[in-house]
Amino acid sequence: MEGWSTYTPDGRALIVRREQDVWVVKCGDDAEVQSQVLDVALIRAVRANSDVLGHSWHVDFGEWARGVADRIERDLGPGDR
């Protein structure tokens, strides 16, 4: 997978890619974050530079992260996981 991209509810670009057995996520201008668990990588990347994230979005952050992870995993073929 070359990369999967979307935007966070607050408008920052979110780019996700898979390298071997690690998910690599970049949110906005922040540094890349890596984790073997996609949800964890998403949460770490999005929260890296946002102290009030959960309150400012007016959405359930965990639910949003899980939804994004589900979409990414659905878009991948079996060989990409």
PDB file of N, CA and C in Angstrom:
ATOM      1  N   MET A   1       0.845  -1.177   0.000  1.00  0.00           N
ATOM      2  CA  MET A   1       0.000   0.000   0.000  1.00  0.00           C
ATOM      3  C   MET A   1       0.882   1.229   0.000  1.00  0.00           C
ATOM      4  N   GLU A   2       0.687   2.096  -0.954  1.00  0.00           N
ATOM      5  CA  GLU A   2       1.470   3.328  -1.010  1.00  0.00           C
ATOM      6  C   GLU A   2       1.068   4.285   0.104  1.00  0.00           C
ATOM      7  N   GLY A   3      -0.197   4.467   0.307  1.00  0.00           N
ATOM      8  CA  GLY A   3      -0.665   5.357   1.353  1.00  0.00           C
ATOM      9  C   GLY A   3      -2.160   5.533   1.297  1.00  0.00           C
ATOM     10  N   TRP A   4      -2.736   5.849   2.407  1.00  0.00           N
ATOM     11  CA  TRP A   4      -4.165   6.062   2.539  1.00  0.00           C
ATOM     12  C   TRP A   4      -4.304   7.409   3.208  1.00  0.00           C
ATOM     13  N   SER A   5      -5.170   8.274   2.705  1.00  0.00           N
ATOM     14  CA  SER A   5      -5.251   9.604   3.291  1.00  0.00           C
ATOM     15  C   SER A   5      -6.692  10.042   3.502  1.00  0.00           C
ATOM     16  N   THR A   6      -6.868  10.890   4.505  1.00  0.00           N
ATOM     17  CA  THR A   6      -8.147  11.487   4.837  1.00  0.00           C
ATOM     18  C   THR A   6      -7.850  12.743   5.646  1.00  0.00           C
ATOM     19  N   TYR A   7      -8.855  13.282   6.280  1.00  0.00           N
ATOM     20  CA  TYR A   7      -8.683  14.446   7.148  1.00  0.00           C
ATOM     21  C   TYR A   7      -9.293  14.170   8.506  1.00  0.00           C
ATOM     22  N   THR A   8      -8.709  14.762   9.524  1.00  0.00           N
ATOM     23  CA  THR A   8      -9.274  14.668  10.868  1.00  0.00           C
ATOM     24  C   THR A   8     -10.499  15.582  10.927  1.00  0.00           C
ATOM     25  N   PRO A   9     -11.363  15.403  11.918  1.00  0.00           N
ATOM     26  CA  PRO A   9     -12.527  16.287  12.037  1.00  0.00           C
ATOM     27  C   PRO A   9     -12.157  17.773  12.161  1.00  0.00           C
ATOM     28  N   ASP A  10     -10.952  18.076  12.613  1.00  0.00           N
ATOM     29  CA  ASP A  10     -10.552  19.484  12.711  1.00  0.00           C
ATOM     30  C   ASP A  10      -9.780  19.951  11.477  1.00  0.00           C
ATOM     31  N   GLY A  11      -9.748  19.119  10.412  1.00  0.00           N
ATOM     32  CA  GLY A  11      -9.219  19.542   9.125  1.00  0.00           C
ATOM     33  C   GLY A  11      -7.758  19.256   8.830  1.00  0.00           C
ATOM     34  N   ARG A  12      -7.057  18.566   9.724  1.00  0.00           N
ATOM     35  CA  ARG A  12      -5.657  18.235   9.458  1.00  0.00           C
ATOM     36  C   ARG A  12      -5.557  17.018   8.540  1.00  0.00           C
ATOM     37  N   ALA A  13      -4.578  17.035   7.643  1.00  0.00           N
ATOM     38  CA  ALA A  13      -4.351  15.892   6.755  1.00  0.00           C
ATOM     39  C   ALA A  13      -3.842  14.712   7.575  1.00  0.00           C
ATOM     40  N   LEU A  14      -4.345  13.528   7.269  1.00  0.00           N
ATOM     41  CA  LEU A  14      -3.949  12.304   7.958  1.00  0.00           C
ATOM     42  C   LEU A  14      -3.518  11.310   6.888  1.00  0.00           C
ATOM     43  N   ILE A  15      -2.262  10.861   6.956  1.00  0.00           N
ATOM     44  CA  ILE A  15      -1.715   9.932   5.969  1.00  0.00           C
ATOM     45  C   ILE A  15      -1.253   8.673   6.690  1.00  0.00           C
ATOM     46  N   VAL A  16      -1.703   7.534   6.169  1.00  0.00           N
ATOM     47  CA  VAL A  16      -1.413   6.244   6.796  1.00  0.00           C
ATOM     48  C   VAL A  16      -0.779   5.334   5.755  1.00  0.00           C
ATOM     49  N   ARG A  17       0.241   4.617   6.170  1.00  0.00           N
ATOM     50  CA  ARG A  17       0.832   3.598   5.296  1.00  0.00           C
ATOM     51  C   ARG A  17       1.284   2.417   6.150  1.00  0.00           C
ATOM     52  N   ARG A  18       1.484   1.312   5.501  1.00  0.00           N
ATOM     53  CA  ARG A  18       1.926   0.089   6.173  1.00  0.00           C
ATOM     54  C   ARG A  18       3.336  -0.221   5.710  1.00  0.00           C
ATOM     55  N   GLU A  19       4.243  -0.434   6.654  1.00  0.00           N
ATOM     56  CA  GLU A  19       5.614  -0.841   6.349  1.00  0.00           C
ATOM     57  C   GLU A  19       5.902  -2.120   7.116  1.00  0.00           C
ATOM     58  N   GLN A  20       6.008  -3.213   6.380  1.00  0.00           N
ATOM     59  CA  GLN A  20       6.196  -4.538   6.986  1.00  0.00           C
ATOM     60  C   GLN A  20       5.057  -4.789   7.969  1.00  0.00           C
ATOM     61  N   ASP A  21       5.356  -4.919   9.257  1.00  0.00           N
ATOM     62  CA  ASP A  21       4.313  -5.189  10.252  1.00  0.00           C
ATOM     63  C   ASP A  21       4.012  -3.963  11.109  1.00  0.00           C
ATOM     64  N   VAL A  22       4.320  -2.774  10.606  1.00  0.00           N
ATOM     65  CA  VAL A  22       4.131  -1.539  11.377  1.00  0.00           C
ATOM     66  C   VAL A  22       3.276  -0.549  10.590  1.00  0.00           C
ATOM     67  N   TRP A  23       2.335   0.076  11.278  1.00  0.00           N
ATOM     68  CA  TRP A  23       1.559   1.169  10.702  1.00  0.00           C
ATOM     69  C   TRP A  23       2.315   2.472  10.942  1.00  0.00           C
ATOM     70  N   VAL A  24       2.380   3.317   9.930  1.00  0.00           N
ATOM     71  CA  VAL A  24       3.037   4.612  10.030  1.00  0.00           C
ATOM     72  C   VAL A  24       1.970   5.664   9.732  1.00  0.00           C
ATOM     73  N   VAL A  25       1.776   6.592  10.683  1.00  0.00           N
ATOM     74  CA  VAL A  25       0.731   7.599  10.542  1.00  0.00           C
ATOM     75  C   VAL A  25       1.335   8.984  10.724  1.00  0.00           C
ATOM     76  N   LYS A  26       0.946   9.888   9.830  1.00  0.00           N
ATOM     77  CA  LYS A  26       1.386  11.288   9.912  1.00  0.00           C
ATOM     78  C   LYS A  26       0.133  12.151   9.928  1.00  0.00           C
ATOM     79  N   CYS A  27       0.066  13.053  10.890  1.00  0.00           N
ATOM     80  CA  CYS A  27      -1.065  13.949  11.020  1.00  0.00           C
ATOM     81  C   CYS A  27      -0.581  15.390  10.901  1.00  0.00           C
ATOM     82  N   GLY A  28      -1.066  16.086   9.892  1.00  0.00           N
ATOM     83  CA  GLY A  28      -0.660  17.474   9.690  1.00  0.00           C
ATOM     84  C   GLY A  28       0.837  17.583   9.499  1.00  0.00           C
ATOM     85  N   ASP A  29       1.428  18.550  10.199  1.00  0.00           N
ATOM     86  CA  ASP A  29       2.868  18.782  10.083  1.00  0.00           C
ATOM     87  C   ASP A  29       3.672  18.062  11.162  1.00  0.00           C
ATOM     88  N   ASP A  30       3.009  17.267  11.989  1.00  0.00           N
ATOM     89  CA  ASP A  30       3.702  16.571  13.071  1.00  0.00           C
ATOM     90  C   ASP A  30       4.539  15.411  12.535  1.00  0.00           C
ATOM     91  N   ALA A  31       5.443  14.914  13.363  1.00  0.00           N
ATOM     92  CA  ALA A  31       6.298  13.789  12.996  1.00  0.00           C
ATOM     93  C   ALA A  31       5.467  12.515  12.826  1.00  0.00           C
ATOM     94  N   GLU A  32       5.989  11.581  12.064  1.00  0.00           N
ATOM     95  CA  GLU A  32       5.325  10.295  11.889  1.00  0.00           C
ATOM     96  C   GLU A  32       5.332   9.516  13.190  1.00  0.00           C
ATOM     97  N   VAL A  33       4.293   8.712  13.362  1.00  0.00           N
ATOM     98  CA  VAL A  33       4.158   7.845  14.529  1.00  0.00           C
ATOM     99  C   VAL A  33       4.021   6.418  14.013  1.00  0.00           C
ATOM    100  N   GLN A  34       4.606   5.461  14.739  1.00  0.00           N
ATOM    101  CA  GLN A  34       4.548   4.059  14.319  1.00  0.00           C
ATOM    102  C   GLN A  34       3.983   3.189  15.424  1.00  0.00           C
ATOM    103  N   SER A  35       3.233   2.169  15.021  1.00  0.00           N
ATOM    104  CA  SER A  35       2.738   1.167  15.947  1.00  0.00           C
ATOM    105  C   SER A  35       2.311  -0.060  15.147  1.00  0.00           C
ATOM    106  N   GLN A  36       2.362  -1.209  15.774  1.00  0.00           N
ATOM    107  CA  GLN A  36       1.869  -2.426  15.137  1.00  0.00           C
ATOM    108  C   GLN A  36       0.349  -2.461  15.129  1.00  0.00           C
ATOM    109  N   VAL A  37      -0.281  -1.659  15.967  1.00  0.00           N
ATOM    110  CA  VAL A  37      -1.741  -1.600  16.066  1.00  0.00           C
ATOM    111  C   VAL A  37      -2.212  -0.288  15.427  1.00  0.00           C
ATOM    112  N   LEU A  38      -3.049  -0.388  14.417  1.00  0.00           N
ATOM    113  CA  LEU A  38      -3.468   0.789  13.667  1.00  0.00           C
ATOM    114  C   LEU A  38      -4.167   1.821  14.547  1.00  0.00           C
ATOM    115  N   ASP A  39      -5.094   1.395  15.388  1.00  0.00           N
ATOM    116  CA  ASP A  39      -5.801   2.341  16.266  1.00  0.00           C
ATOM    117  C   ASP A  39      -4.818   3.138  17.120  1.00  0.00           C
ATOM    118  N   VAL A  40      -3.826   2.459  17.660  1.00  0.00           N
ATOM    119  CA  VAL A  40      -2.833   3.108  18.520  1.00  0.00           C
ATOM    120  C   VAL A  40      -2.038   4.140  17.729  1.00  0.00           C
ATOM    121  N   ALA A  41      -1.617   3.784  16.532  1.00  0.00           N
ATOM    122  CA  ALA A  41      -0.867   4.727  15.696  1.00  0.00           C
ATOM    123  C   ALA A  41      -1.719   5.949  15.370  1.00  0.00           C
ATOM    124  N   LEU A  42      -2.992   5.742  15.046  1.00  0.00           N
ATOM    125  CA  LEU A  42      -3.885   6.863  14.747  1.00  0.00           C
ATOM    126  C   LEU A  42      -4.026   7.789  15.952  1.00  0.00           C
ATOM    127  N   ILE A  43      -4.287   7.216  17.097  1.00  0.00           N
ATOM    128  CA  ILE A  43      -4.486   8.020  18.307  1.00  0.00           C
ATOM    129  C   ILE A  43      -3.228   8.797  18.662  1.00  0.00           C
ATOM    130  N   ARG A  44      -2.076   8.137  18.620  1.00  0.00           N
ATOM    131  CA  ARG A  44      -0.816   8.828  18.945  1.00  0.00           C
ATOM    132  C   ARG A  44      -0.533   9.963  17.973  1.00  0.00           C
ATOM    133  N   ALA A  45      -0.755   9.724  16.691  1.00  0.00           N
ATOM    134  CA  ALA A  45      -0.461  10.745  15.684  1.00  0.00           C
ATOM    135  C   ALA A  45      -1.388  11.951  15.817  1.00  0.00           C
ATOM    136  N   VAL A  46      -2.665  11.703  15.993  1.00  0.00           N
ATOM    137  CA  VAL A  46      -3.637  12.789  16.048  1.00  0.00           C
ATOM    138  C   VAL A  46      -3.507  13.577  17.344  1.00  0.00           C
ATOM    139  N   ARG A  47      -3.195  12.900  18.411  1.00  0.00           N
ATOM    140  CA  ARG A  47      -3.085  13.580  19.706  1.00  0.00           C
ATOM    141  C   ARG A  47      -1.724  14.216  19.943  1.00  0.00           C
ATOM    142  N   ALA A  48      -0.777  14.007  19.062  1.00  0.00           N
ATOM    143  CA  ALA A  48       0.587  14.489  19.267  1.00  0.00           C
ATOM    144  C   ALA A  48       0.658  15.988  19.528  1.00  0.00           C
ATOM    145  N   ASN A  49      -0.211  16.738  18.929  1.00  0.00           N
ATOM    146  CA  ASN A  49      -0.133  18.187  19.063  1.00  0.00           C
ATOM    147  C   ASN A  49      -1.496  18.795  19.373  1.00  0.00           C
ATOM    148  N   SER A  50      -2.299  18.098  20.172  1.00  0.00           N
ATOM    149  CA  SER A  50      -3.637  18.601  20.468  1.00  0.00           C
ATOM    150  C   SER A  50      -4.050  18.223  21.879  1.00  0.00           C
ATOM    151  N   ASP A  51      -3.937  19.154  22.805  1.00  0.00           N
ATOM    152  CA  ASP A  51      -4.268  18.889  24.199  1.00  0.00           C
ATOM    153  C   ASP A  51      -5.766  18.821  24.462  1.00  0.00           C
ATOM    154  N   VAL A  52      -6.557  19.471  23.653  1.00  0.00           N
ATOM    155  CA  VAL A  52      -7.998  19.505  23.905  1.00  0.00           C
ATOM    156  C   VAL A  52      -8.783  18.781  22.819  1.00  0.00           C
ATOM    157  N   LEU A  53      -8.157  17.839  22.181  1.00  0.00           N
ATOM    158  CA  LEU A  53      -8.736  17.149  21.046  1.00  0.00           C
ATOM    159  C   LEU A  53     -10.130  16.600  21.314  1.00  0.00           C
ATOM    160  N   GLY A  54     -10.287  15.822  22.343  1.00  0.00           N
ATOM    161  CA  GLY A  54     -11.559  15.167  22.603  1.00  0.00           C
ATOM    162  C   GLY A  54     -12.699  16.134  22.791  1.00  0.00           C
ATOM    163  N   HIS A  55     -12.440  17.289  23.371  1.00  0.00           N
ATOM    164  CA  HIS A  55     -13.493  18.260  23.617  1.00  0.00           C
ATOM    165  C   HIS A  55     -13.758  19.147  22.418  1.00  0.00           C
ATOM    166  N   SER A  56     -12.741  19.459  21.652  1.00  0.00           N
ATOM    167  CA  SER A  56     -12.909  20.409  20.564  1.00  0.00           C
ATOM    168  C   SER A  56     -13.594  19.803  19.339  1.00  0.00           C
ATOM    169  N   TRP A  57     -13.554  18.497  19.159  1.00  0.00           N
ATOM    170  CA  TRP A  57     -14.134  17.885  17.981  1.00  0.00           C
ATOM    171  C   TRP A  57     -15.634  17.694  18.087  1.00  0.00           C
ATOM    172  N   HIS A  58     -16.163  17.580  19.274  1.00  0.00           N
ATOM    173  CA  HIS A  58     -17.578  17.282  19.485  1.00  0.00           C
ATOM    174  C   HIS A  58     -17.953  15.928  18.884  1.00  0.00           C
ATOM    175  N   VAL A  59     -16.994  15.013  18.862  1.00  0.00           N
ATOM    176  CA  VAL A  59     -17.218  13.637  18.428  1.00  0.00           C
ATOM    177  C   VAL A  59     -16.492  12.725  19.400  1.00  0.00           C
ATOM    178  N   ASP A  60     -16.879  11.471  19.419  1.00  0.00           N
ATOM    179  CA  ASP A  60     -16.198  10.479  20.246  1.00  0.00           C
ATOM    180  C   ASP A  60     -14.898  10.108  19.547  1.00  0.00           C
ATOM    181  N   PHE A  61     -13.768  10.516  20.118  1.00  0.00           N
ATOM    182  CA  PHE A  61     -12.470  10.311  19.477  1.00  0.00           C
ATOM    183  C   PHE A  61     -12.162   8.839  19.251  1.00  0.00           C
ATOM    184  N   GLY A  62     -12.427   8.008  20.249  1.00  0.00           N
ATOM    185  CA  GLY A  62     -12.166   6.573  20.103  1.00  0.00           C
ATOM    186  C   GLY A  62     -12.994   5.964  18.986  1.00  0.00           C
ATOM    187  N   GLU A  63     -14.254   6.368  18.908  1.00  0.00           N
ATOM    188  CA  GLU A  63     -15.134   5.874  17.849  1.00  0.00           C
ATOM    189  C   GLU A  63     -14.649   6.345  16.474  1.00  0.00           C
ATOM    190  N   TRP A  64     -14.220   7.598  16.401  1.00  0.00           N
ATOM    191  CA  TRP A  64     -13.692   8.119  15.143  1.00  0.00           C
ATOM    192  C   TRP A  64     -12.458   7.329  14.706  1.00  0.00           C
ATOM    193  N   ALA A  65     -11.509   7.108  15.624  1.00  0.00           N
ATOM    194  CA  ALA A  65     -10.282   6.374  15.315  1.00  0.00           C
ATOM    195  C   ALA A  65     -10.601   4.954  14.854  1.00  0.00           C
ATOM    196  N   ARG A  66     -11.554   4.290  15.539  1.00  0.00           N
ATOM    197  CA  ARG A  66     -11.920   2.928  15.167  1.00  0.00           C
ATOM    198  C   ARG A  66     -12.556   2.913  13.781  1.00  0.00           C
ATOM    199  N   GLY A  67     -13.389   3.908  13.467  1.00  0.00           N
ATOM    200  CA  GLY A  67     -14.018   3.994  12.154  1.00  0.00           C
ATOM    201  C   GLY A  67     -13.000   4.175  11.045  1.00  0.00           C
ATOM    202  N   VAL A  68     -12.023   5.045  11.277  1.00  0.00           N
ATOM    203  CA  VAL A  68     -10.958   5.262  10.291  1.00  0.00           C
ATOM    204  C   VAL A  68     -10.165   3.974  10.117  1.00  0.00           C
ATOM    205  N   ALA A  69      -9.814   3.323  11.211  1.00  0.00           N
ATOM    206  CA  ALA A  69      -9.055   2.067  11.138  1.00  0.00           C
ATOM    207  C   ALA A  69      -9.837   1.014  10.357  1.00  0.00           C
ATOM    208  N   ASP A  70     -11.146   0.921  10.599  1.00  0.00           N
ATOM    209  CA  ASP A  70     -11.970  -0.046   9.872  1.00  0.00           C
ATOM    210  C   ASP A  70     -11.960   0.237   8.373  1.00  0.00           C
ATOM    211  N   ARG A  71     -12.094   1.510   7.985  1.00  0.00           N
ATOM    212  CA  ARG A  71     -12.090   1.866   6.561  1.00  0.00           C
ATOM    213  C   ARG A  71     -10.754   1.517   5.912  1.00  0.00           C
ATOM    214  N   ILE A  72      -9.664   1.829   6.601  1.00  0.00           N
ATOM    215  CA  ILE A  72      -8.336   1.531   6.051  1.00  0.00           C
ATOM    216  C   ILE A  72      -8.167   0.027   5.877  1.00  0.00           C
ATOM    217  N   GLU A  73      -8.532  -0.736   6.898  1.00  0.00           N
ATOM    218  CA  GLU A  73      -8.372  -2.187   6.834  1.00  0.00           C
ATOM    219  C   GLU A  73      -9.265  -2.800   5.756  1.00  0.00           C
ATOM    220  N   ARG A  74     -10.461  -2.236   5.533  1.00  0.00           N
ATOM    221  CA  ARG A  74     -11.342  -2.719   4.457  1.00  0.00           C
ATOM    222  C   ARG A  74     -10.730  -2.429   3.086  1.00  0.00           C
ATOM    223  N   ASP A  75     -10.070  -1.279   2.955  1.00  0.00           N
ATOM    224  CA  ASP A  75      -9.493  -0.882   1.668  1.00  0.00           C
ATOM    225  C   ASP A  75      -8.273  -1.726   1.293  1.00  0.00           C
ATOM    226  N   LEU A  76      -7.662  -2.345   2.268  1.00  0.00           N
ATOM    227  CA  LEU A  76      -6.464  -3.143   2.001  1.00  0.00           C
ATOM    228  C   LEU A  76      -6.834  -4.545   1.547  1.00  0.00           C
ATOM    229  N   GLY A  77      -6.040  -5.073   0.649  1.00  0.00           N
ATOM    230  CA  GLY A  77      -6.205  -6.469   0.277  1.00  0.00           C
ATOM    231  C   GLY A  77      -5.578  -7.364   1.326  1.00  0.00           C
ATOM    232  N   PRO A  78      -5.883  -8.650   1.333  1.00  0.00           N
ATOM    233  CA  PRO A  78      -5.343  -9.579   2.343  1.00  0.00           C
ATOM    234  C   PRO A  78      -3.820  -9.599   2.393  1.00  0.00           C
ATOM    235  N   GLY A  79      -3.151  -9.374   1.284  1.00  0.00           N
ATOM    236  CA  GLY A  79      -1.691  -9.402   1.277  1.00  0.00           C
ATOM    237  C   GLY A  79      -1.044  -8.173   1.884  1.00  0.00           C
ATOM    238  N   ASP A  80      -1.829  -7.115   2.113  1.00  0.00           N
ATOM    239  CA  ASP A  80      -1.268  -5.862   2.629  1.00  0.00           C
ATOM    240  C   ASP A  80      -1.313  -5.758   4.136  1.00  0.00           C
ATOM    241  N   ARG A  81      -1.920  -6.702   4.822  1.00  0.00           N
ATOM    242  CA  ARG A  81      -2.071  -6.601   6.268  1.00  0.00           C
ATOM    243  C   ARG A  81      -0.941  -7.222   7.006  1.00  0.00           C
TER     244      ARG A  81
END
